[in-house]
Amino acid sequence: MRAIVIGDAMVDTYLWGNVERISPEAPIPVILVNKRESRLGGAANVALNLLALGAKPVLFSVVGSDIAGIEFKKLIAEKNLPGHGIFEDPNRPTTVKSRIIGKGQHIARVDEESTQPIDIELERKLTEKVFNEIENSDVDVIIFVDYDKGMITRKLFENVNEMAQKKGIPVSVDPKKRNFNLYKNVDLFKPNFYEFLDGTGEQLKKGDLEGLSNAVAAFKNQQNLKLIFITLSELGVFISNGTKKQYFPAVIREIADVSGAGDTVLSAASLALAAGLPPWQIALIANLAGGLVCESPGVMPIEKKRLKKMLELEKI
């Protein structure tokens, strides 16, 4: 399958080390660093997951004219991802999330970013490039990955989504609060539980499936969404197509780090959607995929062989 990924890409940087003492300057641990590593994050991690699952993704995103931007392009090339959809903006920094990990435990994170919307000219160029990709390739699914960093604008989304509808290409979205109500007329809408509450203003307790079901039905009708797929972290996932609502509990496993799990869930669900699978299979496949990546520390793409083995064991 060929997939277009549009959204906020970033560099995930890791400092790995050991905690041997508490700082004399403040009650915080001192990390003796023994390894540094950079990985692709955000929308780029979605592209990596799609690649790992056997698809051919093309990523459209924006980086800065800085050292992190150079690092990002290097990582794209190393992972054999096409780079023709990556645009440079000298007026904004490349988004970087730096994680500090001591003895396998996530201790702190430092973010460097801009959340200002991209300018009109860059928006135009991006839209034009995406249109060209759609016209010149057989695209099976378009995925919007919104991390609230300003890459996805109203005009960019609406223009691309309108073209996708004309071409019969399914569109999936992972939203954040600022653009939550922007996403209308899409095939798969995948927030997590707290993003859904933030975006809708609903006040629900996790585990209140009846209340969630009612809120989802109202929002789905308001936005004209075909499927709403909500991840509930340790409680599993909830999916609704408007006529049937289904809940699937999480598969119990050893959790090392939940970073990047949402990207994996989105990737697996989007490909399952494009393959024409029913909602229950979309939910179960994505649920298993998200759980598997939580077993490894840091943001990691799904391993296709492990997922296939789990699907066989679960008889999905």
Protein backbone atom coordinates (compact mmCIF):
# COMPACT_ATOMS: atom_id res chain seq x y z
CA MET A 1 0.00 0.00 0.00
CA ARG A 2 1.03 3.61 -0.60
CA ALA A 3 0.33 6.10 2.18
CA ILE A 4 0.67 9.86 2.41
CA VAL A 5 1.53 11.15 5.89
CA ILE A 6 1.00 14.86 6.58
CA GLY A 7 1.90 16.38 9.92
CA ASP A 8 4.27 17.50 12.63
CA ALA A 9 7.50 15.53 12.36
CA MET A 10 10.27 15.78 14.95
CA VAL A 11 13.55 14.42 16.21
CA ASP A 12 13.39 12.30 19.35
CA THR A 13 16.71 12.51 21.17
CA TYR A 14 17.69 10.18 24.00
CA LEU A 15 20.29 10.46 26.73
CA TRP A 16 20.76 7.03 28.31
CA GLY A 17 22.70 6.58 31.54
CA ASN A 18 22.93 5.47 35.13
CA VAL A 19 21.74 7.18 38.30
CA GLU A 20 24.53 7.00 40.88
CA ARG A 21 23.85 9.94 43.17
CA ILE A 22 21.60 12.89 43.99
CA SER A 23 22.78 16.34 42.95
CA PRO A 24 24.18 18.53 45.76
CA GLU A 25 22.60 21.54 43.98
CA ALA A 26 18.98 20.31 44.08
CA PRO A 27 17.07 17.14 45.05
CA ILE A 28 17.36 15.65 41.57
CA PRO A 29 19.21 12.60 40.23
CA VAL A 30 22.52 12.98 38.43
CA ILE A 31 22.61 10.94 35.21
CA LEU A 32 25.98 9.63 34.09
CA VAL A 33 25.38 9.50 30.33
CA ASN A 34 26.77 6.51 28.47
CA LYS A 35 24.79 6.73 25.22
CA ARG A 36 23.17 9.35 23.00
CA GLU A 37 20.72 8.51 20.26
CA SER A 38 18.41 10.32 17.84
CA ARG A 39 15.27 8.81 16.28
CA LEU A 40 12.47 9.99 14.03
CA GLY A 41 9.39 11.10 15.96
CA GLY A 42 5.86 12.44 15.49
CA ALA A 43 4.58 12.15 11.93
CA ALA A 44 7.95 10.69 10.91
CA ASN A 45 7.45 7.87 13.41
CA VAL A 46 4.07 7.17 11.80
CA ALA A 47 5.88 6.92 8.44
CA LEU A 48 8.42 4.54 10.00
CA ASN A 49 5.65 2.35 11.41
CA LEU A 50 3.95 2.21 8.01
CA LEU A 51 7.25 1.22 6.42
CA ALA A 52 7.79 -1.49 9.05
CA LEU A 53 4.29 -2.85 8.31
CA GLY A 54 5.14 -3.19 4.61
CA ALA A 55 3.61 0.00 3.21
CA LYS A 56 5.29 2.70 1.10
CA PRO A 57 4.85 6.00 2.97
CA VAL A 58 5.60 9.51 1.73
CA LEU A 59 5.97 12.06 4.53
CA PHE A 60 5.04 15.74 4.11
CA SER A 61 6.35 17.94 6.90
CA VAL A 62 8.41 21.01 7.81
CA VAL A 63 11.77 21.30 9.57
CA GLY A 64 13.97 24.26 10.39
CA SER A 65 17.24 25.36 8.81
CA ASP A 66 19.15 24.22 11.87
CA ILE A 67 21.35 21.38 13.13
CA ALA A 68 18.29 19.37 14.17
CA GLY A 69 16.84 19.80 10.67
CA ILE A 70 20.05 18.42 9.16
CA GLU A 71 19.87 15.51 11.63
CA PHE A 72 16.23 14.88 10.66
CA LYS A 73 17.03 14.68 6.95
CA LYS A 74 19.95 12.36 7.69
CA LEU A 75 17.66 10.04 9.67
CA ILE A 76 15.07 10.09 6.85
CA ALA A 77 17.74 9.00 4.36
CA GLU A 78 19.10 6.31 6.70
CA LYS A 79 15.62 4.79 7.08
CA ASN A 80 15.08 4.80 3.30
CA LEU A 81 12.11 7.14 3.54
CA PRO A 82 11.52 9.50 0.58
CA GLY A 83 12.56 13.06 1.37
CA HIS A 84 10.83 15.03 -1.39
CA GLY A 85 7.95 15.98 0.93
CA ILE A 86 10.19 17.61 3.57
CA PHE A 87 10.19 21.42 3.45
CA GLU A 88 12.59 23.77 5.20
CA ASP A 89 11.50 26.92 7.01
CA PRO A 90 14.39 29.13 8.21
CA ASN A 91 12.01 31.03 10.50
CA ARG A 92 11.10 28.10 12.74
CA PRO A 93 13.09 25.49 14.67
CA THR A 94 12.95 21.79 14.03
CA THR A 95 10.84 20.21 16.78
CA VAL A 96 13.07 18.21 19.14
CA LYS A 97 11.99 16.14 22.15
CA SER A 98 14.95 15.20 24.33
CA ARG A 99 14.32 12.38 26.78
CA ILE A 100 16.61 11.59 29.71
CA ILE A 101 16.53 7.95 30.75
CA GLY A 102 18.33 6.58 33.81
CA LYS A 103 18.45 2.84 34.56
CA GLY A 104 15.68 2.27 32.03
CA GLN A 105 13.36 4.83 33.69
CA HIS A 106 12.09 7.92 31.87
CA ILE A 107 13.26 10.75 34.17
CA ALA A 108 12.72 13.99 32.23
CA ARG A 109 11.91 15.45 28.81
CA VAL A 110 13.03 18.75 27.27
CA ASP A 111 11.10 20.16 24.27
CA GLU A 112 12.35 22.63 21.65
CA GLU A 113 9.63 23.76 19.23
CA SER A 114 7.44 26.41 17.63
CA THR A 115 3.66 26.08 17.67
CA GLN A 116 2.99 28.96 15.26
CA PRO A 117 1.13 28.02 12.07
CA ILE A 118 3.26 27.76 8.93
CA ASP A 119 3.05 30.78 6.63
CA ILE A 120 0.68 31.05 3.66
CA GLU A 121 3.35 30.52 1.01
CA LEU A 122 4.66 27.34 2.63
CA GLU A 123 1.07 26.14 3.05
CA ARG A 124 0.52 26.66 -0.69
CA LYS A 125 3.71 24.79 -1.65
CA LEU A 126 2.88 21.88 0.64
CA THR A 127 -0.66 21.59 -0.70
CA GLU A 128 0.61 21.67 -4.28
CA LYS A 129 3.20 18.96 -3.57
CA VAL A 130 0.60 16.72 -1.89
CA PHE A 131 -1.76 17.21 -4.86
CA ASN A 132 1.04 16.18 -7.24
CA GLU A 133 1.70 13.04 -5.18
CA ILE A 134 -1.98 12.09 -5.27
CA GLU A 135 -2.25 12.69 -9.02
CA ASN A 136 0.93 10.80 -9.91
CA SER A 137 0.68 7.82 -7.52
CA ASP A 138 -1.87 5.22 -6.52
CA VAL A 139 -2.51 6.40 -2.95
CA ASP A 140 -4.35 4.00 -0.63
CA VAL A 141 -4.68 6.20 2.47
CA ILE A 142 -3.89 9.73 3.65
CA ILE A 143 -2.96 10.21 7.32
CA PHE A 144 -2.94 13.54 9.18
CA VAL A 145 -0.72 13.50 12.27
CA ASP A 146 -1.42 16.60 14.36
CA TYR A 147 0.89 17.35 17.28
CA ASP A 148 -0.23 21.01 17.59
CA LYS A 149 3.05 22.38 16.18
CA GLY A 150 1.44 24.45 13.41
CA MET A 151 2.12 22.24 10.40
CA ILE A 152 -1.53 21.36 9.67
CA THR A 153 -3.56 24.46 8.82
CA ARG A 154 -7.29 24.65 8.09
CA LYS A 155 -6.75 25.38 4.40
CA LEU A 156 -4.18 22.59 3.96
CA PHE A 157 -6.44 20.01 5.59
CA GLU A 158 -9.65 21.06 3.85
CA ASN A 159 -8.05 21.18 0.39
CA VAL A 160 -6.34 17.80 0.72
CA ASN A 161 -9.38 16.17 2.34
CA GLU A 162 -11.65 17.46 -0.43
CA MET A 163 -9.35 16.00 -3.08
CA ALA A 164 -9.15 12.69 -1.19
CA GLN A 165 -12.95 12.47 -1.17
CA LYS A 166 -13.08 13.09 -4.93
CA LYS A 167 -10.50 10.35 -5.50
CA GLY A 168 -12.12 7.92 -3.04
CA ILE A 169 -9.02 7.82 -0.80
CA PRO A 170 -9.72 7.14 2.92
CA VAL A 171 -8.43 9.74 5.36
CA SER A 172 -7.45 9.13 8.98
CA VAL A 173 -6.59 11.73 11.60
CA ASP A 174 -4.79 11.79 14.94
CA PRO A 175 -5.96 15.15 16.39
CA LYS A 176 -4.91 17.54 19.13
CA LYS A 177 -6.97 20.18 20.94
CA ARG A 178 -6.32 23.29 18.81
CA ASN A 179 -7.58 21.74 15.56
CA PHE A 180 -9.95 19.21 17.11
CA ASN A 181 -13.11 20.57 15.48
CA LEU A 182 -11.36 21.20 12.16
CA TYR A 183 -11.48 17.54 11.16
CA LYS A 184 -14.81 16.89 9.46
CA ASN A 185 -15.84 14.32 6.85
CA VAL A 186 -12.98 11.89 7.53
CA ASP A 187 -12.96 8.09 7.60
CA LEU A 188 -11.08 7.47 10.85
CA PHE A 189 -10.70 9.89 13.78
CA LYS A 190 -8.31 8.61 16.46
CA PRO A 191 -7.83 10.67 19.63
CA ASN A 192 -6.86 9.19 22.96
CA PHE A 193 -9.31 9.48 25.86
CA TYR A 194 -7.91 12.70 27.32
CA GLU A 195 -7.58 14.34 23.90
CA PHE A 196 -11.25 13.55 23.30
CA LEU A 197 -12.22 15.20 26.60
CA ASP A 198 -10.03 18.25 25.88
CA GLY A 199 -11.38 18.60 22.35
CA THR A 200 -15.07 18.18 23.16
CA GLY A 201 -15.21 19.70 26.65
CA GLU A 202 -16.85 16.52 27.97
CA GLN A 203 -16.28 15.61 31.63
CA LEU A 204 -16.10 11.84 31.88
CA LYS A 205 -14.28 9.40 34.09
CA LYS A 206 -12.13 6.81 32.38
CA GLY A 207 -14.09 3.57 32.42
CA ASP A 208 -17.47 5.27 31.92
CA LEU A 209 -18.13 3.51 28.62
CA GLU A 210 -21.82 4.47 28.50
CA GLY A 211 -21.01 8.15 28.91
CA LEU A 212 -18.20 7.86 26.35
CA SER A 213 -20.50 6.11 23.89
CA ASN A 214 -23.08 8.91 24.11
CA ALA A 215 -20.44 11.63 23.74
CA VAL A 216 -18.87 9.85 20.76
CA ALA A 217 -22.25 9.50 19.02
CA ALA A 218 -22.94 13.23 19.35
CA PHE A 219 -19.48 14.27 18.17
CA LYS A 220 -19.50 11.79 15.29
CA ASN A 221 -22.74 13.23 13.95
CA GLN A 222 -21.54 16.80 14.45
CA GLN A 223 -18.34 16.21 12.47
CA ASN A 224 -19.69 13.64 9.99
CA LEU A 225 -17.04 11.03 10.85
CA LYS A 226 -17.26 7.45 9.59
CA LEU A 227 -15.28 5.87 12.45
CA ILE A 228 -14.18 7.18 15.84
CA PHE A 229 -11.45 5.12 17.44
CA ILE A 230 -10.46 6.14 20.99
CA THR A 231 -7.50 4.65 22.81
CA LEU A 232 -8.00 4.25 26.58
CA SER A 233 -4.37 3.38 27.53
CA GLU A 234 -4.43 0.56 30.10
CA LEU A 235 -8.20 0.04 29.60
CA GLY A 236 -7.94 -0.80 25.90
CA VAL A 237 -9.75 0.80 22.95
CA PHE A 238 -13.25 1.92 21.91
CA ILE A 239 -14.48 2.11 18.31
CA SER A 240 -17.79 3.26 16.83
CA ASN A 241 -19.16 3.48 13.30
CA GLY A 242 -22.42 5.06 14.44
CA THR A 243 -24.52 1.91 14.35
CA LYS A 244 -22.27 -0.41 16.33
CA LYS A 245 -20.00 0.40 19.26
CA GLN A 246 -17.30 -1.98 20.44
CA TYR A 247 -14.86 -1.99 23.35
CA PHE A 248 -11.76 -4.17 23.56
CA PRO A 249 -9.62 -4.42 26.72
CA ALA A 250 -5.86 -3.99 26.61
CA VAL A 251 -3.69 -7.08 26.32
CA ILE A 252 -1.68 -7.41 29.54
CA ARG A 253 2.06 -7.08 28.94
CA GLU A 254 5.24 -5.66 30.49
CA ILE A 255 5.27 -1.91 29.84
CA ALA A 256 8.67 -0.25 29.39
CA ASP A 257 7.57 3.05 27.78
CA VAL A 258 4.32 4.29 26.19
CA SER A 259 6.10 6.90 24.02
CA GLY A 260 5.09 6.56 20.37
CA ALA A 261 2.34 4.01 21.00
CA GLY A 262 -0.29 6.36 19.55
CA ASP A 263 1.73 6.64 16.32
CA THR A 264 1.81 2.85 16.01
CA VAL A 265 -1.92 2.53 16.70
CA LEU A 266 -2.67 5.16 14.04
CA SER A 267 -0.42 3.46 11.48
CA ALA A 268 -1.87 -0.01 11.97
CA ALA A 269 -5.46 1.27 12.07
CA SER A 270 -5.00 3.35 8.91
CA LEU A 271 -3.64 0.43 6.90
CA ALA A 272 -6.40 -1.85 8.21
CA LEU A 273 -8.92 0.83 7.19
CA ALA A 274 -7.40 1.07 3.69
CA ALA A 275 -7.53 -2.73 3.41
CA GLY A 276 -11.30 -2.56 3.95
CA LEU A 277 -11.30 -4.50 7.22
CA PRO A 278 -14.33 -4.20 9.55
CA PRO A 279 -14.14 -1.93 12.63
CA TRP A 280 -13.58 -4.78 15.09
CA GLN A 281 -10.51 -5.98 13.19
CA ILE A 282 -9.17 -2.43 12.81
CA ALA A 283 -9.47 -1.96 16.58
CA LEU A 284 -7.94 -5.30 17.57
CA ILE A 285 -4.98 -5.10 15.18
CA ALA A 286 -4.17 -1.53 16.23
CA ASN A 287 -4.66 -2.40 19.92
CA LEU A 288 -2.15 -5.24 19.70
CA ALA A 289 0.33 -3.16 17.72
CA GLY A 290 0.24 -0.31 20.25
CA GLY A 291 0.76 -2.73 23.12
CA LEU A 292 3.78 -4.38 21.49
CA VAL A 293 5.75 -1.14 21.05
CA CYS A 294 5.21 -0.31 24.73
CA GLU A 295 7.49 -3.21 25.62
CA SER A 296 10.54 -1.31 24.31
CA PRO A 297 11.91 1.91 25.84
CA GLY A 298 11.72 5.03 23.69
CA VAL A 299 9.84 5.67 20.46
CA MET A 300 10.13 2.55 18.30
CA PRO A 301 8.24 1.33 15.19
CA ILE A 302 6.27 -1.89 15.28
CA GLU A 303 7.98 -5.17 14.34
CA LYS A 304 5.86 -6.78 11.62
CA LYS A 305 6.84 -10.38 12.43
CA ARG A 306 5.95 -9.97 16.12
CA LEU A 307 2.60 -8.41 15.23
CA LYS A 308 1.76 -11.20 12.78
CA LYS A 309 2.64 -13.78 15.42
CA MET A 310 0.40 -12.05 17.98
CA LEU A 311 -2.47 -11.85 15.47
CA GLU A 312 -2.16 -15.57 14.83
CA LEU A 313 -2.12 -16.33 18.56
CA GLU A 314 -5.20 -14.15 19.11
CA LYS A 315 -6.86 -15.65 16.00
CA ILE A 316 -7.62 -12.23 14.51
